[in-house]
Every structure is written in C-alpha cells, then in structure tokens.
PDB file of N, CA and C in Angstrom:
ATOM      1  N   UNK A   1       0.847  -1.161   0.000  1.00  0.00           N
ATOM      2  CA  UNK A   1       0.000   0.000   0.000  1.00  0.00           C
ATOM      3  C   UNK A   1       0.895   1.227   0.000  1.00  0.00           C
ATOM      4  N   UNK A   2       0.621   2.152  -0.896  1.00  0.00           N
ATOM      5  CA  UNK A   2       1.413   3.361  -1.027  1.00  0.00           C
ATOM      6  C   UNK A   2       0.508   4.587  -1.013  1.00  0.00           C
ATOM      7  N   UNK A   3       1.067   5.679  -0.531  1.00  0.00           N
ATOM      8  CA  UNK A   3       0.398   6.965  -0.645  1.00  0.00           C
ATOM      9  C   UNK A   3       1.103   7.699  -1.771  1.00  0.00           C
ATOM     10  N   UNK A   4       0.358   8.042  -2.820  1.00  0.00           N
ATOM     11  CA  UNK A   4       0.939   8.693  -3.984  1.00  0.00           C
ATOM     12  C   UNK A   4       0.278  10.051  -4.210  1.00  0.00           C
ATOM     13  N   UNK A   5       1.049  10.966  -4.772  1.00  0.00           N
ATOM     14  CA  UNK A   5       0.517  12.275  -5.132  1.00  0.00           C
ATOM     15  C   UNK A   5       0.378  12.329  -6.643  1.00  0.00           C
ATOM     16  N   UNK A   6      -0.819  12.618  -7.102  1.00  0.00           N
ATOM     17  CA  UNK A   6      -1.089  12.774  -8.522  1.00  0.00           C
ATOM     18  C   UNK A   6      -1.133  14.258  -8.835  1.00  0.00           C
ATOM     19  N   UNK A   7      -0.373  14.672  -9.820  1.00  0.00           N
ATOM     20  CA  UNK A   7      -0.387  16.052 -10.289  1.00  0.00           C
ATOM     21  C   UNK A   7      -0.972  16.016 -11.692  1.00  0.00           C
ATOM     22  N   UNK A   8      -2.180  16.534 -11.835  1.00  0.00           N
ATOM     23  CA  UNK A   8      -2.929  16.443 -13.091  1.00  0.00           C
ATOM     24  C   UNK A   8      -3.160  17.844 -13.636  1.00  0.00           C
ATOM     25  N   UNK A   9      -2.826  18.048 -14.906  1.00  0.00           N
ATOM     26  CA  UNK A   9      -3.078  19.323 -15.579  1.00  0.00           C
ATOM     27  C   UNK A   9      -4.051  19.053 -16.713  1.00  0.00           C
ATOM     28  N   UNK A  10      -5.197  19.752 -16.662  1.00  0.00           N
ATOM     29  CA  UNK A  10      -6.283  19.542 -17.621  1.00  0.00           C
ATOM     30  C   UNK A  10      -6.690  20.849 -18.271  1.00  0.00           C
ATOM     31  N   UNK A  11      -7.199  20.776 -19.507  1.00  0.00           N
ATOM     32  CA  UNK A  11      -7.815  21.976 -20.076  1.00  0.00           C
ATOM     33  C   UNK A  11      -9.059  22.333 -19.270  1.00  0.00           C
ATOM     34  N   UNK A  12      -9.227  23.607 -18.970  1.00  0.00           N
ATOM     35  CA  UNK A  12     -10.304  24.036 -18.072  1.00  0.00           C
ATOM     36  C   UNK A  12     -11.686  23.717 -18.625  1.00  0.00           C
ATOM     37  N   UNK A  13     -11.895  23.846 -19.929  1.00  0.00           N
ATOM     38  CA  UNK A  13     -13.238  23.663 -20.477  1.00  0.00           C
ATOM     39  C   UNK A  13     -13.699  22.210 -20.433  1.00  0.00           C
ATOM     40  N   UNK A  14     -12.810  21.229 -20.463  1.00  0.00           N
ATOM     41  CA  UNK A  14     -13.214  19.827 -20.449  1.00  0.00           C
ATOM     42  C   UNK A  14     -13.010  19.157 -19.111  1.00  0.00           C
ATOM     43  N   UNK A  15     -12.816  19.938 -18.074  1.00  0.00           N
ATOM     44  CA  UNK A  15     -12.460  19.414 -16.765  1.00  0.00           C
ATOM     45  C   UNK A  15     -13.560  18.598 -16.104  1.00  0.00           C
ATOM     46  N   UNK A  16     -14.816  18.986 -16.279  1.00  0.00           N
ATOM     47  CA  UNK A  16     -15.931  18.338 -15.587  1.00  0.00           C
ATOM     48  C   UNK A  16     -16.114  16.882 -15.967  1.00  0.00           C
ATOM     49  N   UNK A  17     -16.068  16.577 -17.259  1.00  0.00           N
ATOM     50  CA  UNK A  17     -16.238  15.192 -17.701  1.00  0.00           C
ATOM     51  C   UNK A  17     -15.123  14.296 -17.180  1.00  0.00           C
ATOM     52  N   UNK A  18     -13.906  14.789 -17.255  1.00  0.00           N
ATOM     53  CA  UNK A  18     -12.757  13.996 -16.844  1.00  0.00           C
ATOM     54  C   UNK A  18     -12.756  13.783 -15.338  1.00  0.00           C
ATOM     55  N   UNK A  19     -13.095  14.816 -14.574  1.00  0.00           N
ATOM     56  CA  UNK A  19     -13.100  14.691 -13.114  1.00  0.00           C
ATOM     57  C   UNK A  19     -14.154  13.706 -12.630  1.00  0.00           C
ATOM     58  N   UNK A  20     -15.299  13.664 -13.272  1.00  0.00           N
ATOM     59  CA  UNK A  20     -16.329  12.703 -12.890  1.00  0.00           C
ATOM     60  C   UNK A  20     -15.847  11.272 -13.027  1.00  0.00           C
ATOM     61  N   UNK A  21     -15.201  10.965 -14.135  1.00  0.00           N
ATOM     62  CA  UNK A  21     -14.671   9.611 -14.348  1.00  0.00           C
ATOM     63  C   UNK A  21     -13.500   9.316 -13.416  1.00  0.00           C
ATOM     64  N   UNK A  22     -12.672  10.332 -13.170  1.00  0.00           N
ATOM     65  CA  UNK A  22     -11.522  10.166 -12.285  1.00  0.00           C
ATOM     66  C   UNK A  22     -11.959   9.872 -10.853  1.00  0.00           C
ATOM     67  N   UNK A  23     -12.916  10.635 -10.344  1.00  0.00           N
ATOM     68  CA  UNK A  23     -13.370  10.434  -8.972  1.00  0.00           C
ATOM     69  C   UNK A  23     -14.104   9.111  -8.803  1.00  0.00           C
ATOM     70  N   UNK A  24     -14.803   8.661  -9.829  1.00  0.00           N
ATOM     71  CA  UNK A  24     -15.445   7.350  -9.754  1.00  0.00           C
ATOM     72  C   UNK A  24     -14.401   6.246  -9.648  1.00  0.00           C
ATOM     73  N   UNK A  25     -13.249   6.462 -10.240  1.00  0.00           N
ATOM     74  CA  UNK A  25     -12.195   5.458 -10.234  1.00  0.00           C
ATOM     75  C   UNK A  25     -11.463   5.391  -8.889  1.00  0.00           C
ATOM     76  N   UNK A  26     -11.239   6.522  -8.215  1.00  0.00           N
ATOM     77  CA  UNK A  26     -10.455   6.548  -6.970  1.00  0.00           C
ATOM     78  C   UNK A  26     -11.306   6.839  -5.738  1.00  0.00           C
ATOM     79  N   UNK A  27     -12.601   6.691  -5.857  1.00  0.00           N
ATOM     80  CA  UNK A  27     -13.517   6.983  -4.747  1.00  0.00           C
ATOM     81  C   UNK A  27     -13.168   6.157  -3.508  1.00  0.00           C
ATOM     82  N   UNK A  28     -13.132   6.801  -2.360  1.00  0.00           N
ATOM     83  CA  UNK A  28     -12.862   6.132  -1.096  1.00  0.00           C
ATOM     84  C   UNK A  28     -11.387   6.013  -0.774  1.00  0.00           C
ATOM     85  N   UNK A  29     -10.501   6.345  -1.693  1.00  0.00           N
ATOM     86  CA  UNK A  29      -9.064   6.234  -1.452  1.00  0.00           C
ATOM     87  C   UNK A  29      -8.372   7.586  -1.457  1.00  0.00           C
ATOM     88  N   UNK A  30      -9.119   8.670  -1.620  1.00  0.00           N
ATOM     89  CA  UNK A  30      -8.535  10.015  -1.663  1.00  0.00           C
ATOM     90  C   UNK A  30      -8.269  10.492  -0.240  1.00  0.00           C
ATOM     91  N   UNK A  31      -7.043  10.940   0.012  1.00  0.00           N
ATOM     92  CA  UNK A  31      -6.699  11.485   1.320  1.00  0.00           C
ATOM     93  C   UNK A  31      -6.769  13.008   1.335  1.00  0.00           C
ATOM     94  N   UNK A  32      -6.317  13.644   0.256  1.00  0.00           N
ATOM     95  CA  UNK A  32      -6.279  15.101   0.191  1.00  0.00           C
ATOM     96  C   UNK A  32      -6.374  15.513  -1.273  1.00  0.00           C
ATOM     97  N   UNK A  33      -7.023  16.645  -1.525  1.00  0.00           N
ATOM     98  CA  UNK A  33      -7.162  17.118  -2.900  1.00  0.00           C
ATOM     99  C   UNK A  33      -7.143  18.644  -2.911  1.00  0.00           C
ATOM    100  N   UNK A  34      -6.465  19.218  -3.912  1.00  0.00           N
ATOM    101  CA  UNK A  34      -6.391  20.665  -4.083  1.00  0.00           C
ATOM    102  C   UNK A  34      -6.668  21.002  -5.542  1.00  0.00           C
ATOM    103  N   UNK A  35      -7.532  21.988  -5.768  1.00  0.00           N
ATOM    104  CA  UNK A  35      -7.844  22.483  -7.104  1.00  0.00           C
ATOM    105  C   UNK A  35      -7.211  23.863  -7.251  1.00  0.00           C
ATOM    106  N   UNK A  36      -6.515  24.072  -8.362  1.00  0.00           N
ATOM    107  CA  UNK A  36      -5.904  25.355  -8.641  1.00  0.00           C
ATOM    108  C   UNK A  36      -6.584  25.985  -9.846  1.00  0.00           C
ATOM    109  N   UNK A  37      -6.695  27.308  -9.883  1.00  0.00           N
ATOM    110  CA  UNK A  37      -7.376  27.978 -11.005  1.00  0.00           C
ATOM    111  C   UNK A  37      -6.579  27.831 -12.291  1.00  0.00           C
ATOM    112  N   UNK A  38      -7.221  28.074 -13.418  1.00  0.00           N
ATOM    113  CA  UNK A  38      -6.511  27.937 -14.696  1.00  0.00           C
ATOM    114  C   UNK A  38      -5.439  29.019 -14.864  1.00  0.00           C
ATOM    115  N   UNK A  39      -4.393  28.644 -15.596  1.00  0.00           N
ATOM    116  CA  UNK A  39      -3.332  29.600 -15.889  1.00  0.00           C
ATOM    117  C   UNK A  39      -3.671  30.375 -17.166  1.00  0.00           C
ATOM    118  N   UNK A  40      -2.725  31.124 -17.679  1.00  0.00           N
ATOM    119  CA  UNK A  40      -2.959  31.958 -18.850  1.00  0.00           C
ATOM    120  C   UNK A  40      -3.251  31.141 -20.107  1.00  0.00           C
ATOM    121  N   UNK A  41      -2.765  29.902 -20.165  1.00  0.00           N
ATOM    122  CA  UNK A  41      -2.997  29.039 -21.327  1.00  0.00           C
ATOM    123  C   UNK A  41      -4.292  28.246 -21.222  1.00  0.00           C
ATOM    124  N   UNK A  42      -4.993  28.327 -20.086  1.00  0.00           N
ATOM    125  CA  UNK A  42      -6.275  27.652 -19.928  1.00  0.00           C
ATOM    126  C   UNK A  42      -6.188  26.275 -19.303  1.00  0.00           C
ATOM    127  N   UNK A  43      -5.053  25.940 -18.665  1.00  0.00           N
ATOM    128  CA  UNK A  43      -4.908  24.639 -18.021  1.00  0.00           C
ATOM    129  C   UNK A  43      -5.117  24.772 -16.522  1.00  0.00           C
ATOM    130  N   UNK A  44      -5.946  23.912 -15.970  1.00  0.00           N
ATOM    131  CA  UNK A  44      -6.230  23.873 -14.550  1.00  0.00           C
ATOM    132  C   UNK A  44      -5.405  22.743 -13.932  1.00  0.00           C
ATOM    133  N   UNK A  45      -4.960  22.929 -12.699  1.00  0.00           N
ATOM    134  CA  UNK A  45      -4.124  21.931 -12.043  1.00  0.00           C
ATOM    135  C   UNK A  45      -4.845  21.341 -10.836  1.00  0.00           C
ATOM    136  N   UNK A  46      -4.700  20.025 -10.654  1.00  0.00           N
ATOM    137  CA  UNK A  46      -5.302  19.305  -9.535  1.00  0.00           C
ATOM    138  C   UNK A  46      -4.201  18.475  -8.889  1.00  0.00           C
ATOM    139  N   UNK A  47      -4.041  18.616  -7.584  1.00  0.00           N
ATOM    140  CA  UNK A  47      -3.097  17.787  -6.842  1.00  0.00           C
ATOM    141  C   UNK A  47      -3.910  16.939  -5.886  1.00  0.00           C
ATOM    142  N   UNK A  48      -3.659  15.637  -5.929  1.00  0.00           N
ATOM    143  CA  UNK A  48      -4.465  14.695  -5.175  1.00  0.00           C
ATOM    144  C   UNK A  48      -3.565  13.654  -4.518  1.00  0.00           C
ATOM    145  N   UNK A  49      -3.799  13.380  -3.236  1.00  0.00           N
ATOM    146  CA  UNK A  49      -3.112  12.294  -2.550  1.00  0.00           C
ATOM    147  C   UNK A  49      -4.067  11.113  -2.471  1.00  0.00           C
ATOM    148  N   UNK A  50      -3.590   9.941  -2.910  1.00  0.00           N
ATOM    149  CA  UNK A  50      -4.421   8.751  -3.008  1.00  0.00           C
ATOM    150  C   UNK A  50      -3.684   7.578  -2.375  1.00  0.00           C
ATOM    151  N   UNK A  51      -4.409   6.727  -1.649  1.00  0.00           N
ATOM    152  CA  UNK A  51      -3.868   5.476  -1.139  1.00  0.00           C
ATOM    153  C   UNK A  51      -4.099   4.429  -2.217  1.00  0.00           C
ATOM    154  N   UNK A  52      -3.014   3.801  -2.682  1.00  0.00           N
ATOM    155  CA  UNK A  52      -3.120   2.907  -3.833  1.00  0.00           C
ATOM    156  C   UNK A  52      -2.210   1.699  -3.670  1.00  0.00           C
ATOM    157  N   UNK A  53      -2.694   0.530  -4.135  1.00  0.00           N
ATOM    158  CA  UNK A  53      -1.887  -0.692  -4.144  1.00  0.00           C
ATOM    159  C   UNK A  53      -1.117  -0.836  -5.454  1.00  0.00           C
ATOM    160  N   UNK A  54      -1.793  -0.591  -6.570  1.00  0.00           N
ATOM    161  CA  UNK A  54      -1.219  -0.796  -7.895  1.00  0.00           C
ATOM    162  C   UNK A  54      -1.019   0.558  -8.575  1.00  0.00           C
ATOM    163  N   UNK A  55       0.144   1.179  -8.372  1.00  0.00           N
ATOM    164  CA  UNK A  55       0.376   2.520  -8.924  1.00  0.00           C
ATOM    165  C   UNK A  55       0.538   2.495 -10.438  1.00  0.00           C
ATOM    166  N   UNK A  56       1.132   1.455 -10.973  1.00  0.00           N
ATOM    167  CA  UNK A  56       1.285   1.372 -12.432  1.00  0.00           C
ATOM    168  C   UNK A  56      -0.067   1.251 -13.121  1.00  0.00           C
ATOM    169  N   UNK A  57      -0.939   0.451 -12.566  1.00  0.00           N
ATOM    170  CA  UNK A  57      -2.281   0.307 -13.122  1.00  0.00           C
ATOM    171  C   UNK A  57      -3.062   1.606 -13.046  1.00  0.00           C
ATOM    172  N   UNK A  58      -2.936   2.311 -11.923  1.00  0.00           N
ATOM    173  CA  UNK A  58      -3.613   3.594 -11.758  1.00  0.00           C
ATOM    174  C   UNK A  58      -3.114   4.600 -12.786  1.00  0.00           C
ATOM    175  N   UNK A  59      -1.808   4.672 -12.973  1.00  0.00           N
ATOM    176  CA  UNK A  59      -1.243   5.625 -13.923  1.00  0.00           C
ATOM    177  C   UNK A  59      -1.654   5.305 -15.355  1.00  0.00           C
ATOM    178  N   UNK A  60      -1.691   4.046 -15.712  1.00  0.00           N
ATOM    179  CA  UNK A  60      -2.110   3.683 -17.073  1.00  0.00           C
ATOM    180  C   UNK A  60      -3.588   3.996 -17.300  1.00  0.00           C
ATOM    181  N   UNK A  61      -4.445   3.760 -16.304  1.00  0.00           N
ATOM    182  CA  UNK A  61      -5.868   4.104 -16.435  1.00  0.00           C
ATOM    183  C   UNK A  61      -6.066   5.617 -16.531  1.00  0.00           C
ATOM    184  N   UNK A  62      -5.299   6.382 -15.768  1.00  0.00           N
ATOM    185  CA  UNK A  62      -5.409   7.841 -15.828  1.00  0.00           C
ATOM    186  C   UNK A  62      -4.993   8.369 -17.194  1.00  0.00           C
ATOM    187  N   UNK A  63      -3.972   7.795 -17.768  1.00  0.00           N
ATOM    188  CA  UNK A  63      -3.524   8.249 -19.089  1.00  0.00           C
ATOM    189  C   UNK A  63      -4.544   7.922 -20.168  1.00  0.00           C
ATOM    190  N   UNK A  64      -5.327   6.861 -19.977  1.00  0.00           N
ATOM    191  CA  UNK A  64      -6.405   6.551 -20.921  1.00  0.00           C
ATOM    192  C   UNK A  64      -7.523   7.581 -20.822  1.00  0.00           C
ATOM    193  N   UNK A  65      -7.832   8.023 -19.600  1.00  0.00           N
ATOM    194  CA  UNK A  65      -8.907   8.982 -19.368  1.00  0.00           C
ATOM    195  C   UNK A  65      -8.491  10.387 -19.805  1.00  0.00           C
ATOM    196  N   UNK A  66      -7.270  10.797 -19.442  1.00  0.00           N
ATOM    197  CA  UNK A  66      -6.801  12.158 -19.693  1.00  0.00           C
ATOM    198  C   UNK A  66      -5.999  12.173 -20.988  1.00  0.00           C
ATOM    199  N   UNK A  67      -6.622  12.646 -22.038  1.00  0.00           N
ATOM    200  CA  UNK A  67      -5.962  12.649 -23.333  1.00  0.00           C
ATOM    201  C   UNK A  67      -5.298  13.993 -23.655  1.00  0.00           C
ATOM    202  N   UNK A  68      -5.903  15.108 -23.263  1.00  0.00           N
ATOM    203  CA  UNK A  68      -5.373  16.434 -23.596  1.00  0.00           C
ATOM    204  C   UNK A  68      -4.606  17.068 -22.447  1.00  0.00           C
ATOM    205  N   UNK A  69      -4.337  16.319 -21.390  1.00  0.00           N
ATOM    206  CA  UNK A  69      -3.650  16.885 -20.242  1.00  0.00           C
ATOM    207  C   UNK A  69      -2.375  16.130 -19.929  1.00  0.00           C
ATOM    208  N   UNK A  70      -1.831  16.406 -18.750  1.00  0.00           N
ATOM    209  CA  UNK A  70      -0.602  15.763 -18.292  1.00  0.00           C
ATOM    210  C   UNK A  70      -0.853  15.162 -16.915  1.00  0.00           C
ATOM    211  N   UNK A  71      -0.218  14.014 -16.672  1.00  0.00           N
ATOM    212  CA  UNK A  71      -0.337  13.342 -15.383  1.00  0.00           C
ATOM    213  C   UNK A  71       1.066  13.003 -14.898  1.00  0.00           C
ATOM    214  N   UNK A  72       1.352  13.320 -13.652  1.00  0.00           N
ATOM    215  CA  UNK A  72       2.595  12.869 -13.047  1.00  0.00           C
ATOM    216  C   UNK A  72       2.263  12.243 -11.693  1.00  0.00           C
ATOM    217  N   UNK A  73       3.085  11.297 -11.287  1.00  0.00           N
ATOM    218  CA  UNK A  73       2.835  10.541 -10.071  1.00  0.00           C
ATOM    219  C   UNK A  73       4.101  10.570  -9.228  1.00  0.00           C
ATOM    220  N   UNK A  74       3.927  10.787  -7.934  1.00  0.00           N
ATOM    221  CA  UNK A  74       5.065  10.797  -7.016  1.00  0.00           C
ATOM    222  C   UNK A  74       4.686   9.994  -5.777  1.00  0.00           C
ATOM    223  N   UNK A  75       5.512   9.043  -5.390  1.00  0.00           N
ATOM    224  CA  UNK A  75       5.244   8.217  -4.212  1.00  0.00           C
ATOM    225  C   UNK A  75       5.682   9.003  -2.976  1.00  0.00           C
ATOM    226  N   UNK A  76       4.742   9.215  -2.046  1.00  0.00           N
ATOM    227  CA  UNK A  76       5.037   9.947  -0.821  1.00  0.00           C
ATOM    228  C   UNK A  76       5.501   9.030   0.293  1.00  0.00           C
ATOM    229  N   UNK A  77       4.824   7.870   0.448  1.00  0.00           N
ATOM    230  CA  UNK A  77       5.234   6.908   1.468  1.00  0.00           C
ATOM    231  C   UNK A  77       4.767   5.523   1.097  1.00  0.00           C
ATOM    232  N   UNK A  78       5.472   4.550   1.611  1.00  0.00           N
ATOM    233  CA  UNK A  78       5.104   3.162   1.401  1.00  0.00           C
ATOM    234  C   UNK A  78       4.773   2.545   2.744  1.00  0.00           C
ATOM    235  N   UNK A  79       3.719   1.755   2.758  1.00  0.00           N
ATOM    236  CA  UNK A  79       3.297   1.121   4.015  1.00  0.00           C
ATOM    237  C   UNK A  79       3.328  -0.382   3.875  1.00  0.00           C
TER     238      UNK A  79
END
C-alpha cells in the first residue's frame, strides 16, 4: 500500500467530464485534494493524494482517461 501524489493538468473547459470519471475510479481512497485555477494558457491543475496498491495500473488508467492533459505521479510513502 502506497500513498501517492497525482499532479494532473487539464484543459479548463473539459475538466468536468474527466473529473467525474476520475473520482469514480479513486472513490474512497482520496486522502487530500487541491484544485488550482486555470493559468494563462487555460490549463487547470489538480493535486491529489491517493492510497493505492497498484500505482502502475492507476497511472495507465489515468492516461487513458486524460488525453489532452498531463499526469505525473510521485510516491510519498510506502506502508
């Protein structure tokens, strides 16, 4: 079991559809979440801490969902 930080950058106009699918996927495992306003280019940033067993599987599923954005993953702690 690991606690990972997901740093997700999405286009602001398509954020709602992607967030709905994302939250359905990680529901019940979110520890902390922060939403940042869009920058000058129109990208919104989301930082989320999630408790996860299979980080590679999570990252591959996120990349399938998020096509026009960027996803990065950082392991905070291992249990």
